[in-house]
């Protein structure tokens, strides 16, 4: 192509683009781009402007409508030159860049004019334009990596939502840090919360709640650009009701994988309320086990086949019209008897069961049945009750153990004193022997004498290490003894409270502490009798037998109660 081409005779397309997902600077906005490019065309004498294309679309991925129209117009011969703000406005991905360069190879594009320069259809200019595209793609890739990294940190570490605000929330920018985040839209949050709870407690159907929200309360969505500002649609309302974000869980697709985590924002609903709403929407199916965090799962074994015990949940609905009880399944969104849709039911009775059973993976013919979680927790509570102690008794027991520890410490002190003296003597011998090794008399010794000397030296070093380890064991023993005892009595005192009020993790931990070989057999939890807690259980029974107070008294010491705890010392240390 001749570099002396008359640019004024070419048929030009003005192409303007800004990214739809970024806040571009004012100079890069579409109206500003178009204005500047038209001024350049006028200044350079490009009077034959055949088309002006503007689009708000990211160039990271191919598929821009206006860009494709421009390529078609170039191939049709209606245009043969492009006036654009910068090369990165044309392409930030390899496909669009390749398509544009190929159009130049086919002589469909004779010139490209940017704010930074001119690219003609010659090998050197095409190479320079390709470099411009490549740099743009590299910049775009780097930005994408940084965004993904920032999103991961924001999601997992900061527990922050990084997208458009959900219904009841609004986007905002911190005035000091300029950091973008979301916060509660107090008016809308409260209205959606009220509507949701009316559905959860059976006062309104989902459709009635939407009417109440829009008609009675005058709810209007947030107006953004040309969208919003009107009543909430049914699809938006149902999508909001089905979003786990409102009970504290958010999910995002990060690096191609859907990930979930707890967020830091105020919860609108409890998990139970949200579950009931899903049933009333007709959406919640029988829960897949892995989607839920059940307590006690895979902590117990089946008492018949020794397979793992797992957990499931089941939802049932009693139709308010025909009184038919039916199970909610994945495909069922209506009553099987009268065909009434679940979402239109007026205050249906919703039953929820969580039950435990053998997985039957070891023996598919295992005969063990199901145990409902309420009954299971009653049995665990009964086991915890066996060794539950009064806080006063706990304080007294720890005080007594501390006194025993002090006695042992005195005995250990004597041993430590002996060990220390022995240690210092051995070290002195080692220093003397080491000094002798470098003396003239050692050099004059026979080979046999040197071998005897080396054996004695190694034996001395071994003795020193043995004494040193023994001293460390005594010190650690004093700490472990009292600390482990304290934790034991703390657990005995508060385990029932922790079990009743704790979360899934805490409940599971408490069950695990009851024994290492827990079984579920004939709907009964079987706990090993030879666990640590028999010590406390024995003490409780002895106290009840002799009818003494849990207050620390001399009477308790003379009764033989202390002896109940003496065996605990080697057991605690051993474990």
Protein backbone atom coordinates (compact mmCIF):
# COMPACT_ATOMS: atom_id res chain seq x y z
CA UNK A 1 0.00 0.00 0.00
CA UNK A 2 1.30 3.40 -0.95
CA UNK A 3 2.10 5.54 2.07
CA UNK A 4 1.23 8.61 0.05
CA UNK A 5 -2.46 7.73 0.16
CA UNK A 6 -4.79 10.72 0.29
CA UNK A 7 -6.45 10.35 3.71
CA UNK A 8 -9.01 13.05 2.90
CA UNK A 9 -10.56 10.86 0.19
CA UNK A 10 -11.03 7.81 2.44
CA UNK A 11 -14.45 6.79 3.81
CA UNK A 12 -14.15 7.06 7.60
CA UNK A 13 -15.93 5.40 10.50
CA UNK A 14 -15.78 7.04 13.89
CA UNK A 15 -15.75 4.34 16.60
CA UNK A 16 -16.25 5.23 20.30
CA UNK A 17 -16.22 2.77 23.19
CA UNK A 18 -16.08 2.81 26.93
CA UNK A 19 -16.16 -0.10 29.32
CA UNK A 20 -19.59 -0.74 30.80
CA UNK A 21 -18.22 -2.12 34.04
CA UNK A 22 -15.84 0.70 34.92
CA UNK A 23 -16.19 4.34 35.75
CA UNK A 24 -14.15 5.92 32.95
CA UNK A 25 -12.73 9.38 33.21
CA UNK A 26 -14.85 12.14 31.75
CA UNK A 27 -12.50 12.63 28.79
CA UNK A 28 -13.09 8.95 27.89
CA UNK A 29 -16.87 9.10 28.10
CA UNK A 30 -18.75 8.41 24.88
CA UNK A 31 -20.00 11.97 24.22
CA UNK A 32 -16.53 13.38 24.91
CA UNK A 33 -14.87 10.81 22.63
CA UNK A 34 -17.27 11.54 19.78
CA UNK A 35 -16.84 15.29 20.15
CA UNK A 36 -13.03 15.09 20.17
CA UNK A 37 -12.88 12.69 17.21
CA UNK A 38 -15.23 14.84 15.10
CA UNK A 39 -13.04 17.84 15.81
CA UNK A 40 -9.97 15.87 14.64
CA UNK A 41 -11.81 14.81 11.49
CA UNK A 42 -12.69 18.45 10.78
CA UNK A 43 -9.12 19.60 11.46
CA UNK A 44 -7.55 16.88 9.25
CA UNK A 45 -10.10 17.34 6.49
CA UNK A 46 -11.79 13.93 6.83
CA UNK A 47 -15.13 15.06 5.44
CA UNK A 48 -16.39 11.67 4.28
CA UNK A 49 -17.70 10.29 7.63
CA UNK A 50 -19.97 7.38 6.67
CA UNK A 51 -20.88 6.16 10.18
CA UNK A 52 -20.45 6.88 13.87
CA UNK A 53 -20.58 3.90 16.27
CA UNK A 54 -20.71 4.28 20.05
CA UNK A 55 -21.09 1.46 22.58
CA UNK A 56 -20.68 0.91 26.26
CA UNK A 57 -19.19 -2.56 26.25
CA UNK A 58 -16.09 -4.21 27.67
CA UNK A 59 -13.55 -5.33 25.07
CA UNK A 60 -12.12 -8.05 27.32
CA UNK A 61 -14.34 -10.61 25.59
CA UNK A 62 -15.37 -10.68 21.89
CA UNK A 63 -18.96 -10.11 20.82
CA UNK A 64 -19.46 -6.31 20.75
CA UNK A 65 -22.48 -5.52 18.53
CA UNK A 66 -21.27 -2.14 17.20
CA UNK A 67 -17.74 -3.44 16.63
CA UNK A 68 -19.16 -6.29 14.54
CA UNK A 69 -21.29 -3.83 12.56
CA UNK A 70 -18.17 -1.77 11.88
CA UNK A 71 -16.27 -4.84 10.59
CA UNK A 72 -19.20 -5.70 8.29
CA UNK A 73 -19.31 -2.18 6.91
CA UNK A 74 -15.56 -2.30 6.23
CA UNK A 75 -15.86 -5.64 4.40
CA UNK A 76 -18.79 -4.34 2.36
CA UNK A 77 -16.66 -1.50 1.05
CA UNK A 78 -18.87 1.23 2.51
CA UNK A 79 -15.89 2.38 4.59
CA UNK A 80 -12.12 1.86 4.49
CA UNK A 81 -10.69 3.84 7.45
CA UNK A 82 -11.32 4.09 11.20
CA UNK A 83 -11.00 7.11 13.50
CA UNK A 84 -10.78 6.01 17.13
CA UNK A 85 -9.60 7.48 20.46
CA UNK A 86 -6.91 4.82 21.04
CA UNK A 87 -5.99 1.34 19.87
CA UNK A 88 -7.32 -0.21 23.06
CA UNK A 89 -10.79 1.08 22.15
CA UNK A 90 -10.74 -1.28 19.15
CA UNK A 91 -9.49 -4.46 20.84
CA UNK A 92 -8.44 -5.83 24.22
CA UNK A 93 -8.80 -9.48 23.23
CA UNK A 94 -6.91 -11.61 20.73
CA UNK A 95 -9.92 -12.49 18.54
CA UNK A 96 -11.07 -8.92 17.84
CA UNK A 97 -7.45 -7.81 17.37
CA UNK A 98 -6.86 -10.67 14.90
CA UNK A 99 -10.08 -9.91 13.02
CA UNK A 100 -9.13 -6.25 12.64
CA UNK A 101 -5.57 -6.95 11.48
CA UNK A 102 -6.90 -9.57 9.04
CA UNK A 103 -9.28 -6.95 7.61
CA UNK A 104 -6.20 -4.80 6.96
CA UNK A 105 -4.48 -7.79 5.32
CA UNK A 106 -7.50 -8.01 2.99
CA UNK A 107 -7.17 -4.28 2.21
CA UNK A 108 -10.51 -3.60 3.83
CA UNK A 109 -8.91 -1.09 6.24
CA UNK A 110 -6.53 1.36 4.65
CA UNK A 111 -5.86 3.65 7.63
CA UNK A 112 -6.44 3.90 11.40
CA UNK A 113 -6.21 7.32 13.05
CA UNK A 114 -5.92 7.62 16.86
CA UNK A 115 -5.22 10.50 19.22
CA UNK A 116 -1.66 9.21 19.41
CA UNK A 117 -0.83 8.68 15.77
CA UNK A 118 -1.62 7.22 12.36
CA UNK A 119 -1.44 3.58 11.22
CA UNK A 120 -1.41 2.91 7.47
CA UNK A 121 -1.85 -0.44 5.74
CA UNK A 122 1.84 -1.32 5.52
CA UNK A 123 3.81 -4.13 7.25
CA UNK A 124 5.53 -1.72 9.63
CA UNK A 125 2.35 0.11 10.61
CA UNK A 126 0.37 -3.14 10.98
CA UNK A 127 3.14 -4.51 13.19
CA UNK A 128 3.02 -1.35 15.33
CA UNK A 129 -0.79 -1.59 15.60
CA UNK A 130 -0.50 -5.27 16.54
CA UNK A 131 1.93 -4.31 19.30
CA UNK A 132 -0.59 -1.71 20.48
CA UNK A 133 -3.30 -4.39 20.61
CA UNK A 134 -0.96 -6.82 22.41
CA UNK A 135 -0.03 -4.23 25.04
CA UNK A 136 -3.73 -3.50 25.54
CA UNK A 137 -4.46 -7.20 26.00
CA UNK A 138 -1.55 -7.56 28.45
CA UNK A 139 -2.87 -4.61 30.41
CA UNK A 140 -6.36 -6.10 30.36
CA UNK A 141 -5.04 -9.50 31.50
CA UNK A 142 -3.06 -7.93 34.34
CA UNK A 143 -6.13 -5.98 35.40
CA UNK A 144 -8.21 -9.15 35.29
CA UNK A 145 -5.71 -10.99 37.52
CA UNK A 146 -5.68 -8.08 39.95
CA UNK A 147 -9.48 -7.93 39.99
CA UNK A 148 -9.75 -11.69 40.61
CA UNK A 149 -7.18 -11.45 43.40
CA UNK A 150 -8.99 -8.48 44.91
CA UNK A 151 -12.35 -10.24 44.63
CA UNK A 152 -10.98 -13.34 46.36
CA UNK A 153 -9.58 -11.27 49.22
CA UNK A 154 -12.76 -9.21 49.43
CA UNK A 155 -14.88 -12.36 49.39
CA UNK A 156 -12.99 -14.77 51.66
CA UNK A 157 -11.01 -12.51 54.00
CA UNK A 158 -13.05 -9.32 54.24
CA UNK A 159 -16.42 -11.10 53.86
CA UNK A 160 -17.54 -8.27 51.56
CA UNK A 161 -19.93 -8.33 48.61
CA UNK A 162 -18.26 -7.04 45.47
CA UNK A 163 -21.17 -6.70 43.05
CA UNK A 164 -24.27 -4.54 42.60
CA UNK A 165 -26.23 -4.11 45.81
CA UNK A 166 -29.05 -6.55 46.40
CA UNK A 167 -32.61 -5.49 47.18
CA UNK A 168 -32.65 -3.79 50.57
CA UNK A 169 -29.02 -2.69 50.22
CA UNK A 170 -27.32 0.18 48.36
CA UNK A 171 -23.83 0.68 46.94
CA UNK A 172 -21.75 3.46 48.40
CA UNK A 173 -18.18 4.77 48.47
CA UNK A 174 -16.38 5.49 51.72
CA UNK A 175 -15.65 9.24 51.71
CA UNK A 176 -12.20 8.84 53.26
CA UNK A 177 -10.83 5.60 51.77
CA UNK A 178 -12.81 5.78 48.49
CA UNK A 179 -13.44 2.09 48.96
CA UNK A 180 -16.67 0.77 47.44
CA UNK A 181 -19.00 -1.35 49.56
CA UNK A 182 -22.70 -1.90 50.26
CA UNK A 183 -24.83 -0.89 53.22
CA UNK A 184 -28.40 -1.29 54.39
CA UNK A 185 -31.06 0.74 52.66
CA UNK A 186 -32.98 1.19 55.90
CA UNK A 187 -36.41 1.85 54.39
CA UNK A 188 -36.34 -0.89 51.74
CA UNK A 189 -34.52 -3.40 53.99
CA UNK A 190 -37.23 -3.13 56.63
CA UNK A 191 -40.06 -3.52 54.11
CA UNK A 192 -38.55 -6.60 52.45
CA UNK A 193 -37.84 -8.07 55.87
CA UNK A 194 -41.45 -7.56 56.97
CA UNK A 195 -42.77 -9.10 53.76
CA UNK A 196 -40.43 -12.09 54.11
CA UNK A 197 -41.40 -12.73 57.72
CA UNK A 198 -45.10 -12.55 56.83
CA UNK A 199 -44.46 -15.40 54.40
CA UNK A 200 -42.36 -17.35 56.91
CA UNK A 201 -44.97 -17.15 59.70
CA UNK A 202 -47.85 -18.02 57.38
CA UNK A 203 -49.69 -14.70 57.43
CA UNK A 204 -49.35 -14.11 53.69
CA UNK A 205 -48.66 -16.16 50.59
CA UNK A 206 -45.66 -15.04 48.49
CA UNK A 207 -47.99 -13.36 45.96
CA UNK A 208 -49.96 -11.63 48.73
CA UNK A 209 -46.71 -10.44 50.29
CA UNK A 210 -45.66 -8.91 46.96
CA UNK A 211 -49.00 -7.08 46.67
CA UNK A 212 -48.66 -5.86 50.27
CA UNK A 213 -45.16 -4.63 49.51
CA UNK A 214 -45.98 -2.79 46.29
CA UNK A 215 -49.58 -1.68 46.80
CA UNK A 216 -49.98 -1.19 50.55
CA UNK A 217 -46.47 -0.02 51.41
CA UNK A 218 -45.62 1.70 48.12
CA UNK A 219 -42.32 -0.11 47.63
CA UNK A 220 -40.22 1.16 44.71
CA UNK A 221 -36.89 -0.23 43.56
CA UNK A 222 -33.76 1.93 43.49
CA UNK A 223 -33.48 3.89 40.26
CA UNK A 224 -30.14 3.32 38.52
CA UNK A 225 -29.55 5.14 35.22
CA UNK A 226 -32.58 4.26 33.10
CA UNK A 227 -33.67 1.23 35.15
CA UNK A 228 -35.61 0.85 38.39
CA UNK A 229 -37.82 3.27 40.25
CA UNK A 230 -40.96 1.16 39.90
CA UNK A 231 -42.76 -1.58 41.88
CA UNK A 232 -40.86 -4.80 42.45
CA UNK A 233 -41.61 -7.44 39.85
CA UNK A 234 -42.63 -10.97 40.75
CA UNK A 235 -39.41 -12.41 39.30
CA UNK A 236 -37.25 -9.97 41.28
CA UNK A 237 -39.20 -10.62 44.48
CA UNK A 238 -38.97 -14.40 44.13
CA UNK A 239 -35.27 -14.14 43.30
CA UNK A 240 -34.76 -12.04 46.44
CA UNK A 241 -36.67 -14.52 48.61
CA UNK A 242 -34.57 -17.40 47.25
CA UNK A 243 -31.22 -15.68 47.83
CA UNK A 244 -29.25 -17.16 50.81
CA UNK A 245 -27.55 -13.77 51.14
CA UNK A 246 -30.43 -12.67 53.35
CA UNK A 247 -29.65 -15.24 56.05
CA UNK A 248 -25.90 -14.57 55.91
CA UNK A 249 -24.41 -16.66 53.08
CA UNK A 250 -23.11 -15.22 49.83
CA UNK A 251 -21.86 -17.07 46.77
CA UNK A 252 -19.77 -15.97 43.81
CA UNK A 253 -18.14 -17.59 40.85
CA UNK A 254 -14.41 -16.99 41.31
CA UNK A 255 -11.99 -18.39 38.72
CA UNK A 256 -14.73 -20.57 37.30
CA UNK A 257 -15.73 -22.13 40.63
CA UNK A 258 -18.81 -21.21 42.67
CA UNK A 259 -17.67 -20.46 46.22
CA UNK A 260 -19.64 -19.71 49.38
CA UNK A 261 -18.83 -17.89 52.60
CA UNK A 262 -20.48 -15.99 55.44
CA UNK A 263 -20.74 -12.23 54.86
CA UNK A 264 -20.26 -9.39 57.34
CA UNK A 265 -23.56 -7.58 56.74
CA UNK A 266 -26.76 -7.59 58.77
CA UNK A 267 -28.93 -10.66 58.27
CA UNK A 268 -32.52 -10.17 57.27
CA UNK A 269 -33.74 -13.67 58.18
CA UNK A 270 -32.75 -16.70 60.20
CA UNK A 271 -31.82 -19.89 58.36
CA UNK A 272 -35.04 -21.55 59.57
CA UNK A 273 -37.18 -18.67 58.29
CA UNK A 274 -35.40 -18.78 54.94
CA UNK A 275 -35.94 -22.55 54.67
CA UNK A 276 -39.67 -22.17 55.31
CA UNK A 277 -39.90 -19.45 52.66
CA UNK A 278 -38.26 -21.77 50.12
CA UNK A 279 -40.90 -24.39 50.87
CA UNK A 280 -43.68 -21.85 50.41
CA UNK A 281 -42.13 -20.76 47.11
CA UNK A 282 -42.34 -24.37 46.03
CA UNK A 283 -38.60 -24.33 45.37
CA UNK A 284 -36.91 -26.19 48.19
CA UNK A 285 -36.29 -29.82 47.40
CA UNK A 286 -35.19 -32.59 49.67
CA UNK A 287 -31.90 -31.23 50.81
CA UNK A 288 -28.81 -32.89 49.59
CA UNK A 289 -26.71 -33.92 52.52
CA UNK A 290 -23.59 -32.12 51.41
CA UNK A 291 -25.40 -28.80 51.20
CA UNK A 292 -25.98 -28.76 54.96
CA UNK A 293 -23.76 -28.68 57.98
CA UNK A 294 -25.34 -31.24 60.30
CA UNK A 295 -24.00 -31.86 63.80
CA UNK A 296 -22.76 -35.35 64.74
CA UNK A 297 -22.42 -36.44 61.10
CA UNK A 298 -19.78 -39.16 60.64
CA UNK A 299 -18.85 -38.93 64.34
CA UNK A 300 -20.77 -42.10 65.32
CA UNK A 301 -20.68 -45.58 63.84
CA UNK A 302 -23.53 -48.00 63.32
CA UNK A 303 -23.71 -50.50 66.17
CA UNK A 304 -24.72 -53.29 63.75
CA UNK A 305 -22.41 -52.99 60.72
CA UNK A 306 -19.87 -50.38 61.97
CA UNK A 307 -20.61 -48.10 59.01
CA UNK A 308 -20.75 -44.33 59.37
CA UNK A 309 -23.88 -42.64 60.72
CA UNK A 310 -25.03 -39.76 58.53
CA UNK A 311 -27.82 -37.17 58.59
CA UNK A 312 -30.70 -36.15 56.33
CA UNK A 313 -33.53 -33.67 56.49
CA UNK A 314 -37.12 -34.05 55.32
CA UNK A 315 -39.85 -31.48 54.74
CA UNK A 316 -43.56 -32.26 54.84
CA UNK A 317 -46.55 -30.01 54.17
CA UNK A 318 -50.13 -30.33 55.39
CA UNK A 319 -52.36 -28.78 52.73
CA UNK A 320 -54.67 -26.17 54.30
CA UNK A 321 -57.49 -27.04 51.85
CA UNK A 322 -57.68 -30.85 51.80
CA UNK A 323 -55.56 -31.55 54.94
CA UNK A 324 -53.46 -34.00 52.96
CA UNK A 325 -49.90 -34.43 54.31
CA UNK A 326 -47.25 -34.86 51.64
CA UNK A 327 -43.49 -34.75 51.33
CA UNK A 328 -41.84 -31.85 49.52
CA UNK A 329 -39.71 -33.25 46.73
CA UNK A 330 -37.59 -31.71 44.03
CA UNK A 331 -40.31 -31.91 41.40
CA UNK A 332 -43.39 -31.35 43.54
CA UNK A 333 -44.67 -27.79 43.88
CA UNK A 334 -48.33 -28.60 44.51
CA UNK A 335 -50.56 -30.77 46.69
CA UNK A 336 -50.83 -34.27 45.13
CA UNK A 337 -54.43 -34.56 46.36
CA UNK A 338 -56.13 -31.26 45.40
CA UNK A 339 -53.39 -29.89 43.08
CA UNK A 340 -53.21 -26.57 44.95
CA UNK A 341 -49.87 -24.87 44.30
CA UNK A 342 -47.68 -24.48 47.38
CA UNK A 343 -47.04 -20.78 46.71
CA UNK A 344 -50.82 -20.13 46.79
CA UNK A 345 -51.50 -22.04 50.02
CA UNK A 346 -52.88 -19.97 52.88
CA UNK A 347 -50.86 -20.68 56.02
CA UNK A 348 -49.90 -24.33 55.33
CA UNK A 349 -48.46 -26.44 58.15
CA UNK A 350 -44.81 -27.11 57.37
CA UNK A 351 -43.03 -29.94 59.18
CA UNK A 352 -39.26 -30.28 59.27
CA UNK A 353 -37.37 -33.37 60.36
CA UNK A 354 -33.66 -34.03 60.72
CA UNK A 355 -32.79 -37.63 61.40
CA UNK A 356 -29.71 -39.86 61.64
CA UNK A 357 -29.16 -43.30 60.17
CA UNK A 358 -26.54 -45.73 58.97
CA UNK A 359 -25.20 -44.99 55.49
CA UNK A 360 -25.50 -48.74 54.73
CA UNK A 361 -22.34 -48.55 52.65
CA UNK A 362 -20.69 -51.32 54.66
CA UNK A 363 -23.79 -53.52 54.66
CA UNK A 364 -26.69 -52.52 52.42
CA UNK A 365 -28.93 -54.94 54.37
CA UNK A 366 -28.27 -53.23 57.71
CA UNK A 367 -31.51 -53.25 59.74
CA UNK A 368 -30.89 -50.13 61.81
CA UNK A 369 -33.60 -47.46 61.52
CA UNK A 370 -33.76 -43.68 61.83
CA UNK A 371 -33.31 -41.53 64.94
CA UNK A 372 -34.75 -37.99 64.97
CA UNK A 373 -32.32 -35.26 66.01
CA UNK A 374 -34.42 -34.17 68.98
CA UNK A 375 -34.30 -37.65 70.51
CA UNK A 376 -30.59 -37.95 69.72
CA UNK A 377 -29.81 -34.69 71.51
CA UNK A 378 -31.89 -35.79 74.52
CA UNK A 379 -29.76 -38.92 74.83
CA UNK A 380 -26.52 -36.96 74.53
CA UNK A 381 -27.75 -34.51 77.15
CA UNK A 382 -28.53 -37.43 79.45
CA UNK A 383 -24.94 -38.67 79.09
CA UNK A 384 -23.58 -35.19 79.82
CA UNK A 385 -25.81 -34.97 82.88
CA UNK A 386 -24.04 -37.99 84.42
CA UNK A 387 -20.92 -35.99 85.16
CA UNK A 388 -22.33 -32.45 85.29
CA UNK A 389 -21.00 -30.66 88.37
CA UNK A 390 -21.88 -27.51 90.23
CA UNK A 391 -19.61 -24.46 89.62
CA UNK A 392 -18.81 -24.39 93.36
CA UNK A 393 -17.74 -28.02 93.21
CA UNK A 394 -15.59 -27.24 90.15
CA UNK A 395 -13.83 -24.41 91.99
CA UNK A 396 -13.27 -26.62 95.03
CA UNK A 397 -12.00 -29.55 92.92
CA UNK A 398 -9.52 -27.32 91.06
CA UNK A 399 -8.38 -25.86 94.41
CA UNK A 400 -7.83 -29.37 95.77
CA UNK A 401 -5.94 -30.42 92.64
CA UNK A 402 -3.80 -27.30 92.95
CA UNK A 403 -2.96 -28.32 96.51
CA UNK A 404 -2.04 -31.80 95.33
CA UNK A 405 0.01 -30.21 92.59
CA UNK A 406 1.81 -28.09 95.17
CA UNK A 407 2.65 -31.25 97.13
CA UNK A 408 3.99 -32.96 94.05
CA UNK A 409 5.85 -29.79 93.14
CA UNK A 410 7.67 -29.91 96.48
CA UNK A 411 8.61 -33.51 95.84
CA UNK A 412 9.60 -32.66 92.27
CA UNK A 413 11.63 -29.74 93.62
CA UNK A 414 13.80 -32.14 95.57
CA UNK A 415 14.20 -34.29 92.48
CA UNK A 416 14.92 -31.20 90.38
CA UNK A 417 17.50 -30.06 92.93
CA UNK A 418 19.18 -33.47 92.77
CA UNK A 419 18.98 -33.46 88.98
CA UNK A 420 20.42 -29.95 88.79
CA UNK A 421 23.36 -30.90 91.04
CA UNK A 422 23.95 -34.04 89.03
CA UNK A 423 23.66 -32.07 85.77
CA UNK A 424 26.25 -29.53 86.84
CA UNK A 425 28.65 -32.25 88.01
CA UNK A 426 28.33 -34.07 84.71
CA UNK A 427 28.91 -30.87 82.75
CA UNK A 428 32.04 -30.16 84.83
CA UNK A 429 33.35 -33.64 84.05
CA UNK A 430 32.59 -33.05 80.36
CA UNK A 431 34.53 -29.77 80.37
CA UNK A 432 37.53 -31.47 82.01
CA UNK A 433 37.48 -34.37 79.60
CA UNK A 434 37.13 -32.03 76.61
CA UNK A 435 40.09 -29.94 77.88
CA UNK A 436 42.15 -33.10 78.36
CA UNK A 437 41.52 -34.09 74.76
CA UNK A 438 43.61 -31.17 73.55
CA UNK A 439 46.43 -31.72 76.02
CA UNK A 440 49.88 -33.23 75.40
CA UNK A 441 49.16 -36.17 77.69
CA UNK A 442 46.22 -37.19 75.47
CA UNK A 443 48.45 -37.11 72.41
CA UNK A 444 50.98 -39.32 74.19
CA UNK A 445 48.28 -41.87 75.13
CA UNK A 446 48.12 -45.23 73.42
CA UNK A 447 45.43 -46.02 70.88
CA UNK A 448 43.72 -48.33 73.36
CA UNK A 449 43.64 -45.55 76.00
CA UNK A 450 42.18 -43.11 73.47
CA UNK A 451 39.38 -45.55 72.57
CA UNK A 452 38.51 -46.00 76.25
CA UNK A 453 38.50 -42.22 76.62
CA UNK A 454 36.13 -41.73 73.65
CA UNK A 455 33.70 -44.35 75.03
CA UNK A 456 33.65 -42.58 78.41
CA UNK A 457 33.09 -39.24 76.67
CA UNK A 458 30.09 -40.53 74.70
CA UNK A 459 28.65 -42.17 77.82
CA UNK A 460 29.00 -38.88 79.69
CA UNK A 461 27.19 -36.98 76.94
CA UNK A 462 24.33 -39.51 77.02
CA UNK A 463 24.02 -39.11 80.82
CA UNK A 464 23.83 -35.33 80.47
CA UNK A 465 21.06 -35.57 77.85
CA UNK A 466 19.14 -38.01 80.05
CA UNK A 467 19.28 -35.74 83.09
CA UNK A 468 18.31 -32.74 80.94
CA UNK A 469 15.24 -34.54 79.48
CA UNK A 470 14.19 -35.64 82.97
CA UNK A 471 14.34 -32.04 84.20
CA UNK A 472 12.20 -30.87 81.26
CA UNK A 473 9.64 -33.64 81.87
CA UNK A 474 9.25 -32.60 85.50
CA UNK A 475 8.66 -28.97 84.53
CA UNK A 476 6.15 -29.84 81.80
CA UNK A 477 4.41 -32.35 84.05
CA UNK A 478 3.68 -29.68 86.64
CA UNK A 479 2.05 -27.47 83.98
CA UNK A 480 0.14 -30.25 82.12
CA UNK A 481 -1.18 -31.76 85.31
CA UNK A 482 -2.98 -28.65 86.59
CA UNK A 483 -3.98 -27.30 83.14
CA UNK A 484 -5.51 -30.56 81.92
CA UNK A 485 -7.36 -30.99 85.20
CA UNK A 486 -8.75 -27.48 84.96
CA UNK A 487 -10.05 -28.11 81.42
CA UNK A 488 -11.60 -31.39 82.52
CA UNK A 489 -13.62 -29.80 85.32
CA UNK A 490 -14.53 -26.81 83.14
CA UNK A 491 -15.98 -29.23 80.59
CA UNK A 492 -17.85 -31.17 83.26
CA UNK A 493 -19.35 -27.97 84.62
CA UNK A 494 -20.44 -26.30 81.38
CA UNK A 495 -20.71 -29.01 78.71
CA UNK A 496 -24.53 -29.27 78.94
CA UNK A 497 -24.89 -25.50 78.52
CA UNK A 498 -22.44 -25.46 75.61
CA UNK A 499 -24.27 -28.36 74.01
CA UNK A 500 -27.66 -26.69 74.33
CA UNK A 501 -26.60 -23.25 73.08
CA UNK A 502 -23.59 -24.00 70.87
CA UNK A 503 -23.34 -24.10 67.10
CA UNK A 504 -22.92 -27.19 64.95
CA UNK A 505 -19.15 -27.33 65.47
CA UNK A 506 -19.39 -26.99 69.25
CA UNK A 507 -22.11 -29.69 69.52
CA UNK A 508 -20.01 -32.09 67.45
CA UNK A 509 -16.88 -31.43 69.52
CA UNK A 510 -18.74 -32.15 72.75
CA UNK A 511 -20.07 -35.43 71.39
CA UNK A 512 -16.56 -36.44 70.31
CA UNK A 513 -15.24 -35.75 73.82
CA UNK A 514 -17.70 -38.25 75.27
CA UNK A 515 -15.78 -41.13 73.75
CA UNK A 516 -13.72 -42.38 70.85
CA UNK A 517 -15.95 -45.32 69.96
CA UNK A 518 -19.46 -43.87 69.81
CA UNK A 519 -22.16 -46.17 68.45
CA UNK A 520 -25.78 -45.77 67.39
CA UNK A 521 -27.66 -49.02 67.94
CA UNK A 522 -31.41 -49.63 68.13
CA UNK A 523 -31.94 -45.86 68.26
CA UNK A 524 -29.66 -45.57 71.31
CA UNK A 525 -26.36 -43.71 71.64
CA UNK A 526 -23.77 -46.03 73.16
CA UNK A 527 -20.87 -44.35 74.97
CA UNK A 528 -17.73 -46.10 76.18
CA UNK A 529 -17.81 -46.61 79.94
CA UNK A 530 -14.02 -46.51 80.24
CA UNK A 531 -13.65 -42.81 79.45
CA UNK A 532 -12.20 -40.03 81.58
CA UNK A 533 -15.59 -38.87 82.79
CA UNK A 534 -16.20 -41.90 84.99
CA UNK A 535 -13.87 -40.25 87.52
CA UNK A 536 -16.19 -37.27 87.93
CA UNK A 537 -19.29 -39.45 87.72
CA UNK A 538 -17.88 -41.61 90.54
CA UNK A 539 -17.18 -38.52 92.65
CA UNK A 540 -20.75 -37.26 92.13
CA UNK A 541 -22.22 -40.60 93.20
CA UNK A 542 -19.98 -40.74 96.26
CA UNK A 543 -20.99 -37.21 97.22
CA UNK A 544 -24.67 -38.09 96.86
CA UNK A 545 -24.16 -41.25 98.89
CA UNK A 546 -22.63 -39.47 101.84
CA UNK A 547 -24.89 -36.42 101.45
CA UNK A 548 -22.26 -33.73 101.73
CA UNK A 549 -22.26 -30.20 100.37
CA UNK A 550 -20.24 -29.19 97.34
CA UNK A 551 -18.73 -26.36 99.34
CA UNK A 552 -15.04 -26.84 100.19
CA UNK A 553 -15.04 -28.16 103.77
CA UNK A 554 -12.82 -30.28 106.03
CA UNK A 555 -15.66 -32.79 106.17
CA UNK A 556 -15.23 -33.48 102.48
CA UNK A 557 -11.56 -34.23 102.98
CA UNK A 558 -12.13 -36.66 105.80
CA UNK A 559 -14.85 -38.49 103.92
CA UNK A 560 -12.54 -40.07 101.45
CA UNK A 561 -13.80 -37.90 98.60
CA UNK A 562 -10.29 -36.80 97.71
CA UNK A 563 -9.37 -40.34 96.87
CA UNK A 564 -11.85 -40.24 94.03
CA UNK A 565 -9.64 -37.76 92.23
CA UNK A 566 -6.24 -39.25 92.97
CA UNK A 567 -6.51 -41.84 90.16
CA UNK A 568 -7.29 -39.03 87.75
CA UNK A 569 -3.76 -37.72 87.88
CA UNK A 570 -1.96 -40.51 85.97
CA UNK A 571 -4.89 -40.86 83.55
CA UNK A 572 -4.89 -37.17 82.65
CA UNK A 573 -1.12 -37.18 82.26
CA UNK A 574 -1.18 -40.31 80.16
CA UNK A 575 -3.75 -38.78 77.73
